[in-house]
Protein backbone atom coordinates (compact mmCIF):
# COMPACT_ATOMS: atom_id res chain seq x y z
CA MET A 1 -11.87 -25.70 -9.54
CA THR A 2 -7.89 -26.72 -8.71
CA LEU A 3 -7.31 -27.21 -5.16
CA PRO A 4 -4.97 -23.79 -4.66
CA ASN A 5 -8.09 -21.99 -5.88
CA GLN A 6 -10.49 -23.88 -3.28
CA LEU A 7 -7.91 -22.33 -0.97
CA THR A 8 -7.98 -18.99 -1.80
CA ILE A 9 -11.56 -18.92 -1.32
CA LEU A 10 -11.02 -20.21 1.92
CA ARG A 11 -8.96 -17.48 2.59
CA ILE A 12 -11.30 -14.92 1.51
CA ILE A 13 -14.22 -16.39 3.47
CA LEU A 14 -12.39 -16.94 6.73
CA THR A 15 -11.54 -13.21 6.62
CA PRO A 16 -15.07 -11.70 7.81
CA VAL A 17 -15.02 -14.62 9.98
CA PHE A 18 -11.55 -13.77 11.90
CA LEU A 19 -13.49 -10.28 12.26
CA PHE A 20 -16.35 -11.60 13.72
CA PHE A 21 -14.14 -13.64 16.37
CA PHE A 22 -11.49 -10.92 16.82
CA LEU A 23 -14.23 -8.01 17.70
CA SER A 24 -15.78 -9.89 20.19
CA ASP A 25 -15.91 -9.37 23.89
CA ASP A 26 -15.60 -12.86 24.70
CA SER A 27 -11.88 -13.59 25.43
CA THR A 28 -12.42 -17.12 24.05
CA TYR A 29 -13.44 -15.92 20.64
CA ILE A 30 -10.82 -13.41 20.78
CA GLN A 31 -8.36 -16.56 21.42
CA ILE A 32 -9.90 -18.34 18.38
CA SER A 33 -9.65 -15.36 16.14
CA LEU A 34 -5.66 -16.20 16.27
CA GLY A 35 -6.33 -19.39 15.24
CA ILE A 36 -8.48 -18.22 12.31
CA PHE A 37 -6.14 -15.99 11.23
CA LEU A 38 -3.06 -18.74 11.04
CA VAL A 39 -5.09 -20.85 9.45
CA ALA A 40 -6.14 -18.28 6.85
CA ALA A 41 -2.56 -17.38 6.37
CA LEU A 42 -1.59 -20.73 5.82
CA THR A 43 -3.88 -21.23 3.27
CA ASP A 44 -1.54 -18.43 1.32
CA TRP A 45 1.95 -20.21 1.79
CA TYR A 46 0.18 -23.82 0.62
CA ASP A 47 -1.65 -23.10 -2.29
CA GLY A 48 1.34 -21.10 -3.50
CA TRP A 49 3.28 -23.88 -2.99
CA LEU A 50 0.42 -26.42 -4.54
CA ALA A 51 0.35 -24.39 -7.22
CA ARG A 52 4.20 -24.17 -7.98
CA LYS A 53 4.96 -27.69 -7.25
CA PHE A 54 1.81 -29.23 -9.70
CA ASN A 55 1.39 -25.97 -12.04
CA TYR A 56 -2.14 -25.78 -11.04
CA ILE A 57 -1.95 -22.21 -12.22
CA THR A 58 -4.95 -20.28 -13.67
CA GLU A 59 -5.97 -16.67 -14.99
CA TRP A 60 -8.61 -17.10 -12.20
CA GLY A 61 -5.92 -17.61 -9.25
CA LYS A 62 -3.50 -15.15 -10.31
CA PHE A 63 -6.24 -12.76 -9.89
CA TRP A 64 -7.55 -13.42 -6.56
CA ASP A 65 -5.00 -15.17 -4.79
CA PRO A 66 -2.83 -11.74 -4.04
CA LEU A 67 -6.04 -10.56 -3.89
CA ALA A 68 -7.27 -12.87 -1.21
CA ASP A 69 -4.23 -11.85 1.01
CA LYS A 70 -4.48 -8.15 0.82
CA ILE A 71 -8.45 -8.79 1.82
CA LEU A 72 -7.12 -10.90 4.99
CA THR A 73 -4.22 -8.32 6.07
CA SER A 74 -6.76 -5.18 5.31
CA ALA A 75 -9.55 -6.83 7.63
CA ALA A 76 -6.89 -7.45 10.49
CA PHE A 77 -5.73 -3.73 10.05
CA ILE A 78 -9.53 -2.69 10.18
CA GLY A 79 -9.83 -4.94 13.21
CA PHE A 80 -7.35 -2.94 15.29
CA VAL A 81 -8.70 0.54 14.49
CA LEU A 82 -11.86 -0.62 15.41
CA VAL A 83 -10.59 -1.69 19.06
CA GLY A 84 -8.15 1.52 19.53
CA PHE A 85 -4.99 0.12 18.82
CA LEU A 86 -4.31 1.81 15.48
CA GLN A 87 -5.10 5.11 13.70
CA LEU A 88 -7.47 5.32 11.00
CA TRP A 89 -5.71 7.33 8.56
CA MET A 90 -2.39 5.32 8.48
CA VAL A 91 -4.81 1.93 7.95
CA VAL A 92 -6.37 3.80 5.01
CA LEU A 93 -3.13 4.47 3.50
CA VAL A 94 -1.44 1.25 3.61
CA ILE A 95 -4.99 -0.34 2.31
CA ILE A 96 -5.32 1.98 -0.81
CA ARG A 97 -1.45 1.78 -1.76
CA ASP A 98 -1.82 -2.34 -1.08
CA LEU A 99 -5.18 -2.59 -3.46
CA LEU A 100 -4.54 0.00 -5.76
CA ILE A 101 -0.62 -1.64 -6.60
CA THR A 102 -2.12 -5.22 -6.15
CA LEU A 103 -4.34 -4.42 -8.91
CA LEU A 104 -2.49 -2.89 -10.99
CA ARG A 105 0.01 -5.73 -11.20
CA ILE A 106 -2.63 -7.82 -11.59
CA TYR A 107 -3.99 -5.95 -14.27
CA ALA A 108 -0.78 -5.75 -16.16
CA GLU A 109 -0.05 -9.46 -15.88
CA ASN A 110 -3.06 -9.96 -17.71
CA ARG A 111 -2.47 -7.51 -20.35
CA GLY A 112 1.23 -9.25 -20.90
CA TYR A 113 3.23 -6.91 -19.08
CA ASN A 114 5.59 -8.28 -15.83
CA PHE A 115 5.77 -5.82 -13.39
CA VAL A 116 8.51 -7.67 -10.80
CA THR A 117 8.19 -7.01 -7.15
CA SER A 118 11.52 -4.92 -5.62
CA TYR A 119 13.09 -6.39 -2.58
CA TYR A 120 12.07 -3.26 -0.77
CA ALA A 121 8.47 -3.96 -1.50
CA LYS A 122 8.95 -7.57 0.00
CA TRP A 123 10.47 -6.01 3.04
CA LYS A 124 7.74 -3.88 3.32
CA THR A 125 5.58 -7.08 3.38
CA VAL A 126 7.49 -8.64 6.01
CA PHE A 127 7.11 -5.78 8.17
CA GLN A 128 3.62 -5.54 7.64
CA MET A 129 3.25 -9.12 8.81
CA VAL A 130 5.51 -9.31 11.64
CA PHE A 131 3.83 -5.75 13.03
CA LEU A 132 0.50 -7.73 12.17
CA TYR A 133 1.55 -10.89 14.49
CA TYR A 134 2.89 -8.83 17.29
CA LEU A 135 -0.24 -7.01 17.41
CA LEU A 136 -2.65 -10.22 17.47
CA LEU A 137 -0.34 -12.06 19.99
CA LEU A 138 -0.46 -8.94 22.11
CA TYR A 139 -4.14 -8.50 22.20
CA VAL A 140 -4.89 -12.22 22.69
CA GLY A 141 -2.65 -12.14 25.72
CA LEU A 142 -4.23 -8.79 26.89
CA HIS A 143 -7.80 -10.61 26.88
CA THR A 144 -6.08 -14.06 28.28
CA ALA A 145 -6.95 -13.91 32.06
CA GLN A 146 -3.46 -16.26 33.11
CA ILE A 147 -1.23 -14.46 30.17
CA MET A 148 -2.68 -11.17 32.08
CA ASN A 149 -1.78 -12.23 36.14
CA ASP A 150 1.47 -13.77 34.93
CA TYR A 151 2.86 -11.22 32.72
CA GLN A 152 1.05 -7.78 33.59
CA ASP A 153 4.00 -5.69 33.87
CA ILE A 154 5.41 -7.17 30.21
CA LEU A 155 2.23 -6.77 28.68
CA LYS A 156 1.71 -3.15 30.04
CA ILE A 157 4.87 -2.04 28.38
CA LEU A 158 4.37 -4.55 25.19
CA SER A 159 1.19 -2.45 24.49
CA ASN A 160 2.50 1.29 24.80
CA GLN A 161 0.63 2.95 22.67
CA LYS A 162 3.59 5.75 21.42
CA PHE A 163 5.61 2.52 20.65
CA ILE A 164 2.37 0.77 18.65
CA TYR A 165 1.94 4.39 16.88
CA SER A 166 5.60 5.04 16.06
CA THR A 167 5.80 1.61 14.57
CA MET A 168 2.64 1.69 12.45
CA LEU A 169 4.10 5.24 11.42
CA ILE A 170 7.16 3.88 10.24
CA ILE A 171 5.13 0.83 8.36
CA THR A 172 2.66 3.44 6.90
CA VAL A 173 5.46 5.70 5.08
CA ILE A 174 7.49 2.74 4.26
CA THR A 175 4.31 1.24 2.51
CA VAL A 176 3.57 4.34 1.14
CA HIS A 177 7.05 5.05 -0.11
CA SER A 178 7.05 1.86 -1.92
CA GLY A 179 4.37 2.31 -4.01
CA VAL A 180 5.43 5.49 -5.34
CA SER A 181 8.61 3.99 -6.25
CA TYR A 182 7.10 1.04 -7.71
CA ILE A 183 4.72 3.55 -10.21
CA VAL A 184 7.83 5.47 -10.48
CA LYS A 185 10.38 2.77 -11.54
CA ASN A 186 7.42 1.07 -13.58
CA LYS A 187 6.12 4.51 -15.37
CA HIS A 188 6.76 3.80 -18.67
CA LEU A 189 5.32 0.33 -18.87
CA ILE A 190 2.31 1.76 -16.86
CA ALA A 191 1.74 4.43 -19.27
CA LYS A 192 2.61 1.82 -22.44
CA LEU A 193 -0.15 -0.11 -20.37
CA PHE A 194 -3.06 2.48 -20.52
CA ASN A 195 -2.60 3.94 -24.05
CA GLU A 196 -3.09 0.43 -25.23
CA THR A 197 -5.95 0.23 -22.80
CA ASN A 198 -7.30 3.54 -24.54
CA LYS A 199 -7.12 2.24 -28.14
CA LEU A 200 -8.99 -0.67 -26.88
CA VAL A 201 -11.62 1.55 -25.68
């Protein structure tokens, strides 16, 4: 088991730990959840860097590394549904799209096909992560007494539900559209992939 793979496992393990602290009524636990999420996110960057630098690339890592990323971000989105920040239907669409495309890409790569991720899809991921960090920092701020006392008016503006709803709606549309575009762009490769799969069955 290589170090990058161990970091991937750590990221998966940290996901339910993050949710446990995040969903707590204790403000200290909520603050700790931000640190846990940051550590988990850093393992993603670090294991990727290690794998590329020292050629620690394994079939196990190819499958679980991208999936671990989606597990972590999906858990964060679900957490914000449970605390009333986000709408369930939007989060469900985002999670279904991300998991479906990720699993399709992993399966295709295992069969020898290379589905290149577009810049559009990469920007989609950037938008998602920036918004998640925004919500995390905001939520921690709302549950930190000193920050609330000093910046109550600013936090009230930043936590405006119409703004959060509209931003998540835009991200949902972009996410779903990028997924559809990905499938349309690679439809011939996908058809070839599944034709080969049917022959094997």
